[in-house]
């Protein structure tokens, strides 16, 4: 069984701070969509122009090639988009998670509770900010005593 302190710092939700994370993940998906649509259009129309220049566009095998390429490009989007979504959530979690804990620690300090110790999960960003907030809490606690 994990100790209560360790349980408190495990990821329990995909979106820690939806207002912060949604725009970044949405932007990543939008950029992916633009890139994939652009690359897909370039590949598809280059293939179409090549087949047209050889006057094989009406050939059943050429139609099969165009159809296969089109379906593979759609399949690529369906596979890559969820991967980009999950990568975006993971990356934004490394920032949004610490921000949520930093905000909670600062709210406690504003109420006069300087016994707050801010601990971040392994791999989270903003370790230096957490350390400075802990130093500030220590300093304020000493002044209060």
Protein backbone atom coordinates (compact mmCIF):
# COMPACT_ATOMS: atom_id res chain seq x y z
CA UNK A 1 0.00 0.00 0.00
CA UNK A 2 1.32 3.45 -0.87
CA UNK A 3 1.62 6.01 1.91
CA UNK A 4 -1.07 8.75 1.98
CA UNK A 5 1.47 11.44 1.04
CA UNK A 6 2.49 9.51 -2.11
CA UNK A 7 -1.15 8.91 -3.08
CA UNK A 8 -1.86 12.63 -2.95
CA UNK A 9 0.65 13.30 -5.74
CA UNK A 10 -0.40 10.63 -8.25
CA UNK A 11 -2.09 11.75 -11.45
CA UNK A 12 -5.79 11.14 -11.05
CA UNK A 13 -7.23 13.18 -13.92
CA UNK A 14 -6.18 13.84 -17.49
CA UNK A 15 -7.13 17.51 -17.27
CA UNK A 16 -5.67 19.04 -14.11
CA UNK A 17 -6.52 22.59 -15.16
CA UNK A 18 -8.83 22.54 -18.17
CA UNK A 19 -8.61 26.30 -18.77
CA UNK A 20 -4.83 26.10 -19.05
CA UNK A 21 -4.49 22.78 -20.85
CA UNK A 22 -7.32 22.90 -23.41
CA UNK A 23 -5.93 25.75 -25.53
CA UNK A 24 -2.49 24.12 -25.77
CA UNK A 25 -3.80 20.66 -26.61
CA UNK A 26 -6.27 22.20 -29.08
CA UNK A 27 -3.47 24.18 -30.72
CA UNK A 28 -1.35 21.05 -31.03
CA UNK A 29 -4.22 19.18 -32.66
CA UNK A 30 -4.94 22.12 -34.98
CA UNK A 31 -1.30 22.30 -36.10
CA UNK A 32 -1.30 18.54 -36.62
CA UNK A 33 -4.46 18.77 -38.69
CA UNK A 34 -3.02 21.53 -40.88
CA UNK A 35 0.21 19.58 -41.39
CA UNK A 36 -1.53 16.31 -42.18
CA UNK A 37 -4.06 17.91 -44.52
CA UNK A 38 -1.29 19.77 -46.33
CA UNK A 39 0.95 16.71 -46.63
CA UNK A 40 -1.98 14.48 -47.61
CA UNK A 41 -3.15 16.89 -50.27
CA UNK A 42 0.38 17.17 -51.66
CA UNK A 43 0.82 13.40 -51.83
CA UNK A 44 -2.64 12.73 -53.23
CA UNK A 45 -2.56 15.45 -55.90
CA UNK A 46 1.03 14.62 -56.89
CA UNK A 47 0.01 11.02 -57.40
CA UNK A 48 -3.11 12.12 -59.28
CA UNK A 49 -1.07 14.45 -61.55
CA UNK A 50 1.49 11.72 -62.21
CA UNK A 51 -1.18 9.20 -63.15
CA UNK A 52 -2.89 11.82 -65.33
CA UNK A 53 0.35 12.68 -67.13
CA UNK A 54 0.83 9.01 -68.04
CA UNK A 55 -2.83 8.88 -69.14
CA UNK A 56 -3.56 6.02 -66.75
CA UNK A 57 -6.07 7.85 -64.59
CA UNK A 58 -9.02 5.82 -65.89
CA UNK A 59 -7.19 2.52 -65.45
CA UNK A 60 -8.74 0.40 -62.64
CA UNK A 61 -5.34 -0.18 -61.03
CA UNK A 62 -4.71 3.59 -60.91
CA UNK A 63 -8.10 4.15 -59.31
CA UNK A 64 -7.25 1.43 -56.76
CA UNK A 65 -3.91 3.13 -56.01
CA UNK A 66 -5.57 6.53 -55.50
CA UNK A 67 -8.26 5.00 -53.29
CA UNK A 68 -5.68 3.11 -51.21
CA UNK A 69 -3.50 6.19 -50.77
CA UNK A 70 -6.54 8.26 -49.74
CA UNK A 71 -7.64 5.66 -47.18
CA UNK A 72 -4.12 5.33 -45.77
CA UNK A 73 -3.90 9.08 -45.32
CA UNK A 74 -7.21 9.11 -43.43
CA UNK A 75 -6.04 6.17 -41.33
CA UNK A 76 -2.86 8.09 -40.51
CA UNK A 77 -4.90 10.96 -39.10
CA UNK A 78 -7.05 8.57 -37.06
CA UNK A 79 -3.96 6.97 -35.54
CA UNK A 80 -1.78 10.04 -35.03
CA UNK A 81 -4.43 12.45 -33.66
CA UNK A 82 -5.06 10.48 -30.42
CA UNK A 83 -1.31 10.10 -29.92
CA UNK A 84 -0.82 13.86 -30.28
CA UNK A 85 -3.76 14.46 -27.92
CA UNK A 86 -2.25 12.20 -25.24
CA UNK A 87 1.22 13.73 -25.70
CA UNK A 88 -0.31 17.20 -25.33
CA UNK A 89 -2.09 16.19 -22.14
CA UNK A 90 1.07 14.67 -20.73
CA UNK A 91 3.17 17.74 -21.48
CA UNK A 92 0.60 20.21 -20.17
CA UNK A 93 0.08 18.08 -17.06
CA UNK A 94 3.74 18.63 -16.21
CA UNK A 95 3.00 22.38 -15.99
CA UNK A 96 -0.67 22.52 -14.97
CA UNK A 97 -0.29 20.02 -12.10
CA UNK A 98 2.41 22.05 -10.34
CA UNK A 99 0.46 25.26 -10.92
CA UNK A 100 -2.57 23.81 -9.16
CA UNK A 101 -0.44 22.77 -6.16
CA UNK A 102 1.44 26.10 -6.14
CA UNK A 103 -1.85 27.99 -6.13
CA UNK A 104 -3.14 25.90 -3.21
CA UNK A 105 0.08 26.45 -1.25
CA UNK A 106 -0.04 30.21 -1.83
CA UNK A 107 -3.68 30.32 -0.71
CA UNK A 108 -2.71 28.55 2.52
CA UNK A 109 0.14 31.02 3.05
CA UNK A 110 -2.22 33.95 2.47
CA UNK A 111 -4.35 32.60 5.35
CA UNK A 112 -1.28 32.70 7.60
CA UNK A 113 -0.41 29.01 7.41
CA UNK A 114 3.34 29.04 6.77
CA UNK A 115 3.81 25.34 7.60
CA UNK A 116 3.06 24.55 3.96
CA UNK A 117 5.60 22.34 2.17
CA UNK A 118 5.19 22.16 -1.57
CA UNK A 119 6.15 18.81 -3.12
CA UNK A 120 5.94 18.13 -6.82
CA UNK A 121 5.81 14.78 -8.58
CA UNK A 122 8.91 13.40 -10.22
CA UNK A 123 9.12 14.79 -13.75
CA UNK A 124 6.98 17.85 -13.02
CA UNK A 125 8.29 21.18 -14.17
CA UNK A 126 8.68 24.26 -11.99
CA UNK A 127 10.81 22.61 -9.28
CA UNK A 128 12.73 25.84 -8.78
CA UNK A 129 9.51 27.80 -8.18
CA UNK A 130 8.36 25.21 -5.63
CA UNK A 131 11.70 25.43 -3.83
CA UNK A 132 11.46 29.23 -3.69
CA UNK A 133 7.92 29.07 -2.32
CA UNK A 134 9.10 26.62 0.34
CA UNK A 135 11.95 29.01 1.22
CA UNK A 136 9.48 31.88 1.41
CA UNK A 137 7.21 29.88 3.72
CA UNK A 138 10.19 29.00 5.94
CA UNK A 139 11.26 32.64 6.07
CA UNK A 140 7.75 33.86 6.90
CA UNK A 141 7.34 31.14 9.55
CA UNK A 142 10.60 32.25 11.23
CA UNK A 143 9.52 35.89 11.21
CA UNK A 144 6.16 34.96 12.70
CA UNK A 145 7.80 33.06 15.57
